[in-house]
Amino acid sequence: MRDGILNRINELASNPVCEKGLKGRLQGLCRARVGDYRIIYSIDHEHRIIRIIDVGKRENIYERL
């Protein structure tokens, strides 16, 4: 699973798009899905920077943020 997560992060670095925007208190953040795991990130479009906020299992990642 680690390789899948790293591959997805590299894809985001090459093409910084918001796969799916989050809502509510997490508005402004994006998420990418890799199996049961989620990568929570933000995008600075002006500087083309992806900031990884957290990576974890879907069952508890949103409560940690």
N, C-alpha and C. Protein backbone atom coordinates (compact mmCIF):
# COMPACT_ATOMS: atom_id res chain seq x y z
N MET A 1 0.82 -1.19 0.00
CA MET A 1 0.00 0.00 0.00
C MET A 1 0.87 1.26 0.00
N ARG A 2 2.01 1.19 0.69
CA ARG A 2 2.90 2.35 0.75
C ARG A 2 3.30 2.82 -0.65
N ASP A 3 3.64 1.87 -1.52
CA ASP A 3 4.04 2.24 -2.88
C ASP A 3 2.90 2.92 -3.62
N GLY A 4 1.68 2.43 -3.43
CA GLY A 4 0.52 3.04 -4.07
C GLY A 4 0.30 4.47 -3.61
N ILE A 5 0.48 4.71 -2.32
CA ILE A 5 0.33 6.06 -1.77
C ILE A 5 1.42 6.97 -2.32
N LEU A 6 2.66 6.50 -2.34
CA LEU A 6 3.76 7.31 -2.87
C LEU A 6 3.56 7.60 -4.36
N ASN A 7 3.08 6.61 -5.11
CA ASN A 7 2.81 6.83 -6.53
C ASN A 7 1.74 7.89 -6.73
N ARG A 8 0.69 7.84 -5.91
CA ARG A 8 -0.39 8.82 -6.05
C ARG A 8 0.11 10.23 -5.69
N ILE A 9 0.94 10.33 -4.66
CA ILE A 9 1.51 11.63 -4.30
C ILE A 9 2.38 12.16 -5.44
N ASN A 10 3.16 11.30 -6.08
CA ASN A 10 3.98 11.72 -7.22
C ASN A 10 3.10 12.18 -8.38
N GLU A 11 1.97 11.50 -8.61
CA GLU A 11 1.04 11.92 -9.66
C GLU A 11 0.49 13.31 -9.35
N LEU A 12 0.13 13.53 -8.08
CA LEU A 12 -0.38 14.85 -7.69
C LEU A 12 0.68 15.93 -7.87
N ALA A 13 1.93 15.59 -7.57
CA ALA A 13 3.02 16.56 -7.74
C ALA A 13 3.19 16.93 -9.21
N SER A 14 3.01 15.97 -10.10
CA SER A 14 3.15 16.22 -11.54
C SER A 14 1.95 16.97 -12.10
N ASN A 15 0.78 16.71 -11.54
CA ASN A 15 -0.46 17.30 -12.03
C ASN A 15 -1.32 17.72 -10.84
N PRO A 16 -1.06 18.89 -10.26
CA PRO A 16 -1.74 19.30 -9.03
C PRO A 16 -3.20 19.69 -9.26
N VAL A 17 -4.08 18.71 -9.14
CA VAL A 17 -5.51 18.94 -9.25
C VAL A 17 -6.19 18.43 -7.99
N CYS A 18 -7.34 19.00 -7.70
CA CYS A 18 -8.11 18.57 -6.54
C CYS A 18 -9.01 17.42 -7.00
N GLU A 19 -8.66 16.20 -6.59
CA GLU A 19 -9.44 15.02 -6.99
C GLU A 19 -10.87 15.14 -6.48
N LYS A 20 -11.00 15.49 -5.22
CA LYS A 20 -12.33 15.72 -4.64
C LYS A 20 -12.17 16.71 -3.50
N GLY A 21 -12.94 17.79 -3.57
CA GLY A 21 -12.90 18.80 -2.51
C GLY A 21 -13.69 18.34 -1.29
N LEU A 22 -13.19 18.70 -0.12
CA LEU A 22 -13.88 18.35 1.12
C LEU A 22 -14.83 19.48 1.51
N LYS A 23 -15.77 19.16 2.39
CA LYS A 23 -16.82 20.11 2.77
C LYS A 23 -16.76 20.39 4.26
N GLY A 24 -17.59 21.33 4.68
CA GLY A 24 -17.71 21.64 6.10
C GLY A 24 -16.45 22.26 6.65
N ARG A 25 -16.04 21.80 7.83
CA ARG A 25 -14.86 22.37 8.49
C ARG A 25 -13.57 22.08 7.73
N LEU A 26 -13.62 21.15 6.78
CA LEU A 26 -12.43 20.79 5.99
C LEU A 26 -12.44 21.43 4.60
N GLN A 27 -13.37 22.35 4.39
CA GLN A 27 -13.46 23.02 3.10
C GLN A 27 -12.14 23.68 2.76
N GLY A 28 -11.74 23.58 1.51
CA GLY A 28 -10.46 24.11 1.06
C GLY A 28 -9.38 23.04 0.95
N LEU A 29 -9.67 21.86 1.53
CA LEU A 29 -8.75 20.73 1.42
C LEU A 29 -9.28 19.76 0.37
N CYS A 30 -8.39 18.94 -0.14
CA CYS A 30 -8.74 17.94 -1.14
C CYS A 30 -8.39 16.56 -0.60
N ARG A 31 -8.95 15.55 -1.25
CA ARG A 31 -8.59 14.19 -0.87
C ARG A 31 -8.37 13.35 -2.12
N ALA A 32 -7.45 12.42 -1.99
CA ALA A 32 -7.20 11.43 -3.03
C ALA A 32 -7.35 10.06 -2.37
N ARG A 33 -7.94 9.14 -3.10
CA ARG A 33 -8.20 7.81 -2.57
C ARG A 33 -7.18 6.82 -3.11
N VAL A 34 -6.65 5.99 -2.21
CA VAL A 34 -5.76 4.88 -2.58
C VAL A 34 -6.23 3.68 -1.76
N GLY A 35 -7.11 2.88 -2.34
CA GLY A 35 -7.69 1.76 -1.60
C GLY A 35 -8.48 2.27 -0.41
N ASP A 36 -8.19 1.74 0.78
CA ASP A 36 -8.86 2.17 2.01
C ASP A 36 -8.21 3.40 2.62
N TYR A 37 -7.19 3.93 1.99
CA TYR A 37 -6.46 5.08 2.53
C TYR A 37 -6.86 6.36 1.81
N ARG A 38 -6.70 7.47 2.51
CA ARG A 38 -6.96 8.79 1.95
C ARG A 38 -5.74 9.66 2.15
N ILE A 39 -5.46 10.45 1.14
CA ILE A 39 -4.41 11.47 1.21
C ILE A 39 -5.15 12.80 1.27
N ILE A 40 -4.96 13.53 2.35
CA ILE A 40 -5.59 14.84 2.50
C ILE A 40 -4.53 15.88 2.18
N TYR A 41 -4.87 16.81 1.28
CA TYR A 41 -3.87 17.77 0.83
C TYR A 41 -4.52 19.09 0.44
N SER A 42 -3.69 20.10 0.28
CA SER A 42 -4.13 21.38 -0.25
C SER A 42 -3.23 21.73 -1.43
N ILE A 43 -3.73 22.63 -2.26
CA ILE A 43 -2.98 23.04 -3.45
C ILE A 43 -2.77 24.55 -3.42
N ASP A 44 -1.53 24.96 -3.63
CA ASP A 44 -1.20 26.37 -3.84
C ASP A 44 -1.02 26.50 -5.35
N HIS A 45 -2.09 26.90 -6.04
CA HIS A 45 -2.06 26.95 -7.50
C HIS A 45 -1.05 27.97 -8.03
N GLU A 46 -0.90 29.07 -7.32
CA GLU A 46 0.02 30.11 -7.77
C GLU A 46 1.45 29.58 -7.87
N HIS A 47 1.86 28.78 -6.89
CA HIS A 47 3.22 28.26 -6.86
C HIS A 47 3.30 26.79 -7.26
N ARG A 48 2.16 26.20 -7.63
CA ARG A 48 2.07 24.78 -8.02
C ARG A 48 2.70 23.88 -6.95
N ILE A 49 2.23 24.08 -5.71
CA ILE A 49 2.72 23.30 -4.57
C ILE A 49 1.57 22.49 -3.99
N ILE A 50 1.83 21.23 -3.73
CA ILE A 50 0.89 20.35 -3.02
C ILE A 50 1.39 20.23 -1.59
N ARG A 51 0.51 20.50 -0.64
CA ARG A 51 0.85 20.32 0.78
C ARG A 51 0.09 19.10 1.29
N ILE A 52 0.81 18.07 1.67
CA ILE A 52 0.19 16.88 2.23
C ILE A 52 -0.12 17.17 3.70
N ILE A 53 -1.39 17.11 4.05
CA ILE A 53 -1.83 17.41 5.41
C ILE A 53 -1.78 16.14 6.26
N ASP A 54 -2.28 15.03 5.71
CA ASP A 54 -2.31 13.77 6.46
C ASP A 54 -2.58 12.63 5.49
N VAL A 55 -2.16 11.44 5.89
CA VAL A 55 -2.44 10.21 5.15
C VAL A 55 -2.88 9.18 6.17
N GLY A 56 -3.97 8.50 5.89
CA GLY A 56 -4.43 7.48 6.83
C GLY A 56 -5.63 6.73 6.31
N LYS A 57 -6.06 5.75 7.09
CA LYS A 57 -7.23 4.95 6.72
C LYS A 57 -8.48 5.82 6.76
N ARG A 58 -9.38 5.55 5.85
CA ARG A 58 -10.60 6.32 5.72
C ARG A 58 -11.40 6.31 7.01
N GLU A 59 -11.36 5.21 7.74
CA GLU A 59 -12.20 5.06 8.94
C GLU A 59 -11.89 6.07 10.04
N ASN A 60 -10.68 6.66 10.04
CA ASN A 60 -10.38 7.60 11.12
C ASN A 60 -9.64 8.87 10.69
N ILE A 61 -9.34 9.02 9.43
CA ILE A 61 -8.53 10.17 9.01
C ILE A 61 -9.25 11.50 9.23
N TYR A 62 -10.55 11.54 8.97
CA TYR A 62 -11.27 12.81 9.06
C TYR A 62 -11.42 13.28 10.50
N GLU A 63 -11.50 12.35 11.45
CA GLU A 63 -11.59 12.73 12.86
C GLU A 63 -10.27 13.30 13.36
N ARG A 64 -9.16 12.90 12.76
CA ARG A 64 -7.84 13.37 13.20
C ARG A 64 -7.56 14.80 12.77
N LEU A 65 -8.27 15.26 11.76
CA LEU A 65 -8.00 16.60 11.22
C LEU A 65 -8.69 17.68 12.03
